[in-house]
Amino acid sequence: MASLANTKLAQVAFVVKEIEPAMARWAALLGQSIPNIIVTEPGDKVNQIYRGKPSVGQCKLAFFDLGGVQLELIEPIGNETAWFEGLDKNGERFHHLAFWTEDMDAATSALAEHGVDPVHRGDMGEGQYVYFDGDVPFGTFFELLQSKR
């Protein structure tokens, strides 16, 4: 059975209702400065697809460096995204593990062999991101990141 052996853990992510107070809580806990907020482009600007349909959803992002892995905070803007789905279904909590891959097709196939299907994708600069609904059997979303499409 295929695996994610050729990927690198990039992020541990949480969805939140309001990013500013969440950033303050995490900064205090981690002993770090409050990071900048990044607002993503509207989904129609980055070829975003959610559950088979174009999505204009966005989010606010903040990243903390945990020494080789990022802690990512996500506040959804709009409701046609895996970010909103996770927040709506489970409230503020852990959302996904993200992995860097150089071979999106191989990593996607590996997840499919484990019963995990893609549900949300978009472009990011020259690269792309894809979210996979791993609620069953893993209890979480997964994200694959690729620096070049």
N, C-alpha and C. Protein backbone atom coordinates (compact mmCIF):
# COMPACT_ATOMS: atom_id res chain seq x y z
N MET A 1 0.85 -1.19 0.00
CA MET A 1 0.00 0.00 0.00
C MET A 1 0.89 1.24 0.00
N ALA A 2 0.52 2.23 -0.80
CA ALA A 2 1.30 3.47 -0.90
C ALA A 2 1.22 4.26 0.40
N SER A 3 2.18 5.18 0.58
CA SER A 3 2.23 5.98 1.81
C SER A 3 2.66 7.40 1.50
N LEU A 4 2.72 8.20 2.53
CA LEU A 4 3.22 9.59 2.41
C LEU A 4 4.69 9.67 2.80
N ALA A 5 5.42 8.58 2.64
CA ALA A 5 6.82 8.52 3.05
C ALA A 5 7.70 9.58 2.38
N ASN A 6 7.36 10.00 1.18
CA ASN A 6 8.18 10.99 0.47
C ASN A 6 7.67 12.41 0.65
N THR A 7 6.96 12.66 1.73
CA THR A 7 6.48 14.00 2.02
C THR A 7 7.13 14.49 3.30
N LYS A 8 6.99 15.78 3.57
CA LYS A 8 7.55 16.38 4.79
C LYS A 8 6.45 17.14 5.52
N LEU A 9 6.29 16.86 6.82
CA LEU A 9 5.29 17.57 7.60
C LEU A 9 5.60 19.07 7.57
N ALA A 10 4.60 19.86 7.21
CA ALA A 10 4.76 21.30 7.08
C ALA A 10 4.02 22.07 8.16
N GLN A 11 2.78 21.64 8.45
CA GLN A 11 1.92 22.42 9.33
C GLN A 11 1.01 21.53 10.17
N VAL A 12 0.69 22.07 11.33
CA VAL A 12 -0.39 21.57 12.16
C VAL A 12 -1.34 22.75 12.24
N ALA A 13 -2.61 22.56 11.84
CA ALA A 13 -3.51 23.69 11.67
C ALA A 13 -4.76 23.59 12.54
N PHE A 14 -5.21 24.76 13.00
CA PHE A 14 -6.43 24.90 13.78
C PHE A 14 -7.34 25.91 13.10
N VAL A 15 -8.64 25.64 13.08
CA VAL A 15 -9.61 26.63 12.60
C VAL A 15 -10.17 27.36 13.82
N VAL A 16 -10.40 28.66 13.63
CA VAL A 16 -10.87 29.51 14.72
C VAL A 16 -11.96 30.44 14.21
N LYS A 17 -12.80 30.91 15.13
CA LYS A 17 -13.86 31.85 14.77
C LYS A 17 -13.31 33.25 14.55
N GLU A 18 -12.36 33.66 15.40
CA GLU A 18 -11.75 34.98 15.31
C GLU A 18 -10.25 34.83 15.48
N ILE A 19 -9.50 35.21 14.46
CA ILE A 19 -8.07 34.93 14.46
C ILE A 19 -7.28 35.81 15.44
N GLU A 20 -7.70 37.06 15.65
CA GLU A 20 -6.92 37.95 16.51
C GLU A 20 -6.81 37.43 17.94
N PRO A 21 -7.91 37.10 18.62
CA PRO A 21 -7.74 36.57 19.98
C PRO A 21 -7.04 35.21 20.01
N ALA A 22 -7.24 34.41 18.98
CA ALA A 22 -6.56 33.11 18.92
C ALA A 22 -5.05 33.32 18.80
N MET A 23 -4.63 34.29 17.98
CA MET A 23 -3.20 34.57 17.84
C MET A 23 -2.61 35.02 19.18
N ALA A 24 -3.32 35.85 19.90
CA ALA A 24 -2.84 36.34 21.19
C ALA A 24 -2.67 35.18 22.18
N ARG A 25 -3.64 34.27 22.21
CA ARG A 25 -3.55 33.11 23.11
C ARG A 25 -2.35 32.24 22.77
N TRP A 26 -2.20 31.92 21.49
CA TRP A 26 -1.09 31.06 21.07
C TRP A 26 0.26 31.75 21.26
N ALA A 27 0.34 33.05 20.97
CA ALA A 27 1.60 33.78 21.15
C ALA A 27 2.03 33.74 22.61
N ALA A 28 1.08 33.96 23.52
CA ALA A 28 1.40 33.92 24.95
C ALA A 28 1.86 32.53 25.36
N LEU A 29 1.18 31.50 24.91
CA LEU A 29 1.54 30.13 25.26
C LEU A 29 2.92 29.75 24.72
N LEU A 30 3.19 30.13 23.46
CA LEU A 30 4.44 29.74 22.81
C LEU A 30 5.60 30.68 23.11
N GLY A 31 5.31 31.82 23.75
CA GLY A 31 6.37 32.80 24.02
C GLY A 31 6.89 33.44 22.75
N GLN A 32 6.01 33.65 21.79
CA GLN A 32 6.39 34.24 20.50
C GLN A 32 5.63 35.53 20.27
N SER A 33 6.11 36.31 19.33
CA SER A 33 5.40 37.52 18.92
C SER A 33 4.15 37.13 18.15
N ILE A 34 3.18 38.03 18.17
CA ILE A 34 1.96 37.82 17.38
C ILE A 34 2.33 37.97 15.90
N PRO A 35 2.01 36.96 15.08
CA PRO A 35 2.39 37.03 13.66
C PRO A 35 1.46 37.95 12.87
N ASN A 36 1.89 38.24 11.66
CA ASN A 36 1.05 39.00 10.73
C ASN A 36 -0.10 38.12 10.26
N ILE A 37 -1.19 38.77 9.88
CA ILE A 37 -2.33 38.07 9.31
C ILE A 37 -2.21 38.15 7.79
N ILE A 38 -2.43 37.04 7.15
CA ILE A 38 -2.47 36.96 5.69
C ILE A 38 -3.91 36.68 5.30
N VAL A 39 -4.47 37.46 4.40
CA VAL A 39 -5.81 37.21 3.88
C VAL A 39 -5.63 36.62 2.48
N THR A 40 -6.18 35.43 2.27
CA THR A 40 -6.02 34.77 0.98
C THR A 40 -6.83 35.48 -0.10
N GLU A 41 -6.45 35.23 -1.32
CA GLU A 41 -7.20 35.75 -2.47
C GLU A 41 -8.57 35.08 -2.51
N PRO A 42 -9.57 35.76 -3.07
CA PRO A 42 -10.85 35.09 -3.27
C PRO A 42 -10.66 33.82 -4.11
N GLY A 43 -11.43 32.80 -3.80
CA GLY A 43 -11.26 31.52 -4.47
C GLY A 43 -11.31 31.58 -5.98
N ASP A 44 -12.13 32.48 -6.54
CA ASP A 44 -12.21 32.56 -8.00
C ASP A 44 -10.93 33.11 -8.62
N LYS A 45 -10.06 33.71 -7.81
CA LYS A 45 -8.77 34.23 -8.31
C LYS A 45 -7.67 33.17 -8.27
N VAL A 46 -7.92 32.06 -7.54
CA VAL A 46 -6.90 31.03 -7.38
C VAL A 46 -7.40 29.65 -7.82
N ASN A 47 -8.39 29.64 -8.71
CA ASN A 47 -8.92 28.38 -9.26
C ASN A 47 -9.36 27.42 -8.16
N GLN A 48 -10.00 27.96 -7.14
CA GLN A 48 -10.41 27.14 -6.00
C GLN A 48 -11.66 26.32 -6.32
N ILE A 49 -11.59 25.06 -5.95
CA ILE A 49 -12.71 24.13 -6.11
C ILE A 49 -12.98 23.50 -4.75
N TYR A 50 -14.26 23.46 -4.36
CA TYR A 50 -14.65 22.84 -3.10
C TYR A 50 -15.77 21.85 -3.38
N ARG A 51 -15.51 20.61 -3.07
CA ARG A 51 -16.47 19.52 -3.29
C ARG A 51 -17.07 19.56 -4.70
N GLY A 52 -16.16 19.74 -5.68
CA GLY A 52 -16.53 19.66 -7.08
C GLY A 52 -17.06 20.93 -7.71
N LYS A 53 -17.18 22.02 -6.95
CA LYS A 53 -17.74 23.26 -7.49
C LYS A 53 -16.80 24.43 -7.23
N PRO A 54 -16.77 25.41 -8.13
CA PRO A 54 -15.95 26.60 -7.88
C PRO A 54 -16.37 27.28 -6.57
N SER A 55 -15.38 27.81 -5.86
CA SER A 55 -15.62 28.46 -4.57
C SER A 55 -14.94 29.81 -4.54
N VAL A 56 -15.61 30.80 -3.97
CA VAL A 56 -15.00 32.12 -3.80
C VAL A 56 -14.52 32.31 -2.37
N GLY A 57 -14.62 31.27 -1.54
CA GLY A 57 -14.23 31.36 -0.13
C GLY A 57 -12.79 31.83 0.05
N GLN A 58 -12.58 32.43 1.19
CA GLN A 58 -11.26 32.93 1.57
C GLN A 58 -11.01 32.57 3.02
N CYS A 59 -9.84 32.97 3.52
CA CYS A 59 -9.57 32.82 4.94
C CYS A 59 -8.49 33.80 5.36
N LYS A 60 -8.43 34.01 6.66
CA LYS A 60 -7.33 34.73 7.29
C LYS A 60 -6.40 33.67 7.86
N LEU A 61 -5.11 33.87 7.68
CA LEU A 61 -4.11 32.90 8.14
C LEU A 61 -3.09 33.58 9.04
N ALA A 62 -2.58 32.84 10.00
CA ALA A 62 -1.45 33.28 10.82
C ALA A 62 -0.58 32.06 11.08
N PHE A 63 0.74 32.26 11.07
CA PHE A 63 1.68 31.14 11.21
C PHE A 63 2.66 31.40 12.34
N PHE A 64 2.86 30.38 13.16
CA PHE A 64 3.89 30.38 14.20
C PHE A 64 4.93 29.34 13.81
N ASP A 65 6.21 29.68 13.94
CA ASP A 65 7.29 28.74 13.64
C ASP A 65 7.53 27.87 14.87
N LEU A 66 7.39 26.57 14.70
CA LEU A 66 7.63 25.63 15.79
C LEU A 66 8.91 24.83 15.56
N GLY A 67 9.86 25.41 14.82
CA GLY A 67 11.12 24.72 14.59
C GLY A 67 11.04 23.66 13.51
N GLY A 68 10.75 24.07 12.30
CA GLY A 68 10.65 23.14 11.17
C GLY A 68 9.24 22.80 10.79
N VAL A 69 8.29 23.05 11.67
CA VAL A 69 6.87 22.83 11.39
C VAL A 69 6.14 24.10 11.83
N GLN A 70 5.13 24.49 11.08
CA GLN A 70 4.35 25.67 11.42
C GLN A 70 3.07 25.29 12.15
N LEU A 71 2.69 26.14 13.09
CA LEU A 71 1.35 26.10 13.65
C LEU A 71 0.57 27.12 12.84
N GLU A 72 -0.48 26.68 12.18
CA GLU A 72 -1.29 27.55 11.33
C GLU A 72 -2.64 27.78 11.98
N LEU A 73 -3.06 29.04 12.05
CA LEU A 73 -4.39 29.39 12.50
C LEU A 73 -5.18 29.87 11.29
N ILE A 74 -6.44 29.43 11.18
CA ILE A 74 -7.26 29.73 10.01
C ILE A 74 -8.62 30.23 10.46
N GLU A 75 -8.98 31.43 10.00
CA GLU A 75 -10.33 31.95 10.20
C GLU A 75 -11.01 31.97 8.84
N PRO A 76 -12.01 31.13 8.62
CA PRO A 76 -12.69 31.10 7.32
C PRO A 76 -13.44 32.40 7.03
N ILE A 77 -13.44 32.78 5.76
CA ILE A 77 -14.26 33.89 5.26
C ILE A 77 -15.12 33.28 4.16
N GLY A 78 -16.40 33.21 4.37
CA GLY A 78 -17.27 32.51 3.42
C GLY A 78 -17.44 31.06 3.86
N ASN A 79 -18.34 30.36 3.18
CA ASN A 79 -18.66 29.02 3.68
C ASN A 79 -18.42 27.88 2.70
N GLU A 80 -17.84 28.11 1.56
CA GLU A 80 -17.63 27.05 0.58
C GLU A 80 -16.17 26.60 0.59
N THR A 81 -15.70 26.16 1.78
CA THR A 81 -14.32 25.72 1.92
C THR A 81 -14.23 24.60 2.95
N ALA A 82 -13.13 23.87 2.91
CA ALA A 82 -12.86 22.87 3.94
C ALA A 82 -12.63 23.56 5.29
N TRP A 83 -12.16 24.80 5.26
CA TRP A 83 -11.92 25.55 6.51
C TRP A 83 -13.25 25.78 7.23
N PHE A 84 -14.23 26.30 6.49
CA PHE A 84 -15.54 26.54 7.08
C PHE A 84 -16.19 25.22 7.50
N GLU A 85 -16.07 24.22 6.65
CA GLU A 85 -16.67 22.91 6.96
C GLU A 85 -16.16 22.39 8.31
N GLY A 86 -14.85 22.46 8.51
CA GLY A 86 -14.28 21.99 9.76
C GLY A 86 -14.76 22.78 10.96
N LEU A 87 -14.81 24.11 10.83
CA LEU A 87 -15.26 24.96 11.93
C LEU A 87 -16.74 24.74 12.21
N ASP A 88 -17.54 24.66 11.16
CA ASP A 88 -18.98 24.47 11.31
C ASP A 88 -19.30 23.12 11.95
N LYS A 89 -18.58 22.09 11.56
CA LYS A 89 -18.85 20.74 12.04
C LYS A 89 -18.32 20.50 13.45
N ASN A 90 -17.14 21.03 13.74
CA ASN A 90 -16.46 20.68 14.99
C ASN A 90 -16.13 21.85 15.91
N GLY A 91 -16.39 23.07 15.49
CA GLY A 91 -16.01 24.23 16.30
C GLY A 91 -14.52 24.50 16.21
N GLU A 92 -14.05 25.39 17.07
CA GLU A 92 -12.63 25.74 17.08
C GLU A 92 -11.83 24.55 17.58
N ARG A 93 -10.96 24.05 16.72
CA ARG A 93 -10.15 22.90 17.09
C ARG A 93 -9.16 22.58 16.00
N PHE A 94 -8.40 21.52 16.24
CA PHE A 94 -7.47 20.99 15.25
C PHE A 94 -8.22 20.75 13.94
N HIS A 95 -7.60 21.14 12.83
CA HIS A 95 -8.24 20.99 11.52
C HIS A 95 -7.52 20.02 10.60
N HIS A 96 -6.20 20.20 10.43
CA HIS A 96 -5.50 19.33 9.49
C HIS A 96 -4.01 19.25 9.75
N LEU A 97 -3.41 18.22 9.16
CA LEU A 97 -1.96 18.11 9.03
C LEU A 97 -1.64 18.41 7.58
N ALA A 98 -0.61 19.23 7.35
CA ALA A 98 -0.20 19.56 5.98
C ALA A 98 1.19 18.98 5.71
N PHE A 99 1.36 18.49 4.49
CA PHE A 99 2.63 17.89 4.07
C PHE A 99 3.08 18.52 2.76
N TRP A 100 4.38 18.80 2.65
CA TRP A 100 4.97 19.21 1.37
C TRP A 100 5.20 17.96 0.53
N THR A 101 4.89 18.06 -0.75
CA THR A 101 5.17 16.97 -1.67
C THR A 101 5.73 17.54 -2.97
N GLU A 102 6.58 16.77 -3.62
CA GLU A 102 7.06 17.15 -4.95
C GLU A 102 6.28 16.42 -6.03
N ASP A 103 5.46 15.45 -5.62
CA ASP A 103 4.68 14.66 -6.58
C ASP A 103 3.23 14.58 -6.10
N MET A 104 2.43 15.58 -6.47
CA MET A 104 1.05 15.65 -6.02
C MET A 104 0.26 14.41 -6.44
N ASP A 105 0.49 13.93 -7.65
CA ASP A 105 -0.26 12.76 -8.12
C ASP A 105 0.03 11.53 -7.27
N ALA A 106 1.29 11.28 -6.96
CA ALA A 106 1.65 10.11 -6.16
C ALA A 106 1.11 10.23 -4.74
N ALA A 107 1.21 11.42 -4.14
CA ALA A 107 0.71 11.61 -2.78
C ALA A 107 -0.82 11.49 -2.74
N THR A 108 -1.49 12.03 -3.77
CA THR A 108 -2.94 11.91 -3.87
C THR A 108 -3.35 10.45 -3.98
N SER A 109 -2.63 9.68 -4.80
CA SER A 109 -2.92 8.25 -4.95
C SER A 109 -2.71 7.50 -3.64
N ALA A 110 -1.66 7.89 -2.90
CA ALA A 110 -1.40 7.24 -1.61
C ALA A 110 -2.56 7.47 -0.65
N LEU A 111 -3.05 8.70 -0.58
CA LEU A 111 -4.18 9.00 0.31
C LEU A 111 -5.43 8.25 -0.15
N ALA A 112 -5.64 8.18 -1.47
CA ALA A 112 -6.81 7.46 -1.99
C ALA A 112 -6.78 5.99 -1.60
N GLU A 113 -5.60 5.39 -1.59
CA GLU A 113 -5.48 3.99 -1.20
C GLU A 113 -5.88 3.78 0.26
N HIS A 114 -5.82 4.85 1.05
CA HIS A 114 -6.21 4.77 2.46
C HIS A 114 -7.62 5.31 2.69
N GLY A 115 -8.37 5.50 1.61
CA GLY A 115 -9.76 5.93 1.72
C GLY A 115 -9.95 7.41 1.97
N VAL A 116 -8.97 8.23 1.56
CA VAL A 116 -9.00 9.67 1.81
C VAL A 116 -9.07 10.38 0.46
N ASP A 117 -10.15 11.11 0.23
CA ASP A 117 -10.39 11.72 -1.08
C ASP A 117 -10.24 13.25 -1.04
N PRO A 118 -9.81 13.85 -2.17
CA PRO A 118 -9.68 15.32 -2.24
C PRO A 118 -11.05 16.00 -2.21
N VAL A 119 -11.11 17.15 -1.51
CA VAL A 119 -12.38 17.88 -1.41
C VAL A 119 -12.24 19.38 -1.69
N HIS A 120 -11.01 19.91 -1.69
CA HIS A 120 -10.82 21.36 -1.79
C HIS A 120 -9.42 21.58 -2.35
N ARG A 121 -9.33 22.40 -3.39
CA ARG A 121 -8.02 22.70 -3.95
C ARG A 121 -7.96 24.14 -4.42
N GLY A 122 -6.74 24.63 -4.57
CA GLY A 122 -6.53 25.96 -5.11
C GLY A 122 -5.06 26.16 -5.46
N ASP A 123 -4.80 27.24 -6.17
CA ASP A 123 -3.44 27.60 -6.53
C ASP A 123 -2.87 28.53 -5.46
N MET A 124 -1.56 28.46 -5.28
CA MET A 124 -0.86 29.40 -4.39
C MET A 124 0.44 29.77 -5.09
N GLY A 125 0.48 30.97 -5.64
CA GLY A 125 1.64 31.36 -6.43
C GLY A 125 1.86 30.39 -7.56
N GLU A 126 3.08 29.84 -7.67
CA GLU A 126 3.39 28.85 -8.69
C GLU A 126 2.99 27.44 -8.26
N GLY A 127 2.57 27.30 -7.02
CA GLY A 127 2.23 25.98 -6.49
C GLY A 127 0.74 25.76 -6.35
N GLN A 128 0.41 24.76 -5.54
CA GLN A 128 -0.99 24.43 -5.31
C GLN A 128 -1.14 23.77 -3.94
N TYR A 129 -2.39 23.80 -3.45
CA TYR A 129 -2.74 23.09 -2.23
C TYR A 129 -3.97 22.26 -2.51
N VAL A 130 -4.05 21.10 -1.84
CA VAL A 130 -5.21 20.23 -1.96
C VAL A 130 -5.54 19.71 -0.56
N TYR A 131 -6.81 19.86 -0.16
CA TYR A 131 -7.29 19.30 1.10
C TYR A 131 -8.01 17.99 0.82
N PHE A 132 -7.85 17.06 1.76
CA PHE A 132 -8.44 15.73 1.65
C PHE A 132 -9.26 15.48 2.91
N ASP A 133 -10.45 14.93 2.72
CA ASP A 133 -11.33 14.64 3.85
C ASP A 133 -10.96 13.28 4.43
N GLY A 134 -10.17 13.31 5.48
CA GLY A 134 -9.75 12.08 6.14
C GLY A 134 -10.51 11.82 7.43
N ASP A 135 -11.69 12.44 7.58
CA ASP A 135 -12.46 12.27 8.81
C ASP A 135 -12.64 10.79 9.12
N VAL A 136 -12.99 10.02 8.12
CA VAL A 136 -13.00 8.57 8.26
C VAL A 136 -11.96 8.09 7.27
N PRO A 137 -10.93 7.44 7.65
CA PRO A 137 -10.70 6.75 8.90
C PRO A 137 -9.73 7.44 9.87
N PHE A 138 -9.28 8.68 9.60
CA PHE A 138 -8.23 9.29 10.41
C PHE A 138 -8.68 10.39 11.37
N GLY A 139 -9.90 10.87 11.23
CA GLY A 139 -10.41 11.87 12.15
C GLY A 139 -9.94 13.29 11.87
N THR A 140 -9.44 13.55 10.65
CA THR A 140 -8.96 14.88 10.33
C THR A 140 -8.87 15.09 8.83
N PHE A 141 -8.77 16.36 8.44
CA PHE A 141 -8.41 16.69 7.07
C PHE A 141 -6.90 16.54 6.93
N PHE A 142 -6.46 16.33 5.71
CA PHE A 142 -5.05 16.40 5.35
C PHE A 142 -4.92 17.47 4.28
N GLU A 143 -3.75 18.10 4.20
CA GLU A 143 -3.46 19.04 3.13
C GLU A 143 -2.14 18.64 2.50
N LEU A 144 -2.09 18.67 1.17
CA LEU A 144 -0.84 18.50 0.44
C LEU A 144 -0.49 19.85 -0.16
N LEU A 145 0.77 20.21 -0.03
CA LEU A 145 1.31 21.46 -0.59
C LEU A 145 2.37 21.12 -1.61
N GLN A 146 2.33 21.80 -2.75
CA GLN A 146 3.32 21.58 -3.78
C GLN A 146 3.79 22.95 -4.26
N SER A 147 5.12 23.16 -4.28
CA SER A 147 5.65 24.48 -4.62
C SER A 147 5.55 24.81 -6.10
N LYS A 148 5.50 23.81 -6.97
CA LYS A 148 5.35 24.01 -8.42
C LYS A 148 4.26 23.10 -8.93
N ARG A 149 3.32 23.67 -9.70
CA ARG A 149 2.26 22.86 -10.30
C ARG A 149 2.82 22.08 -11.47
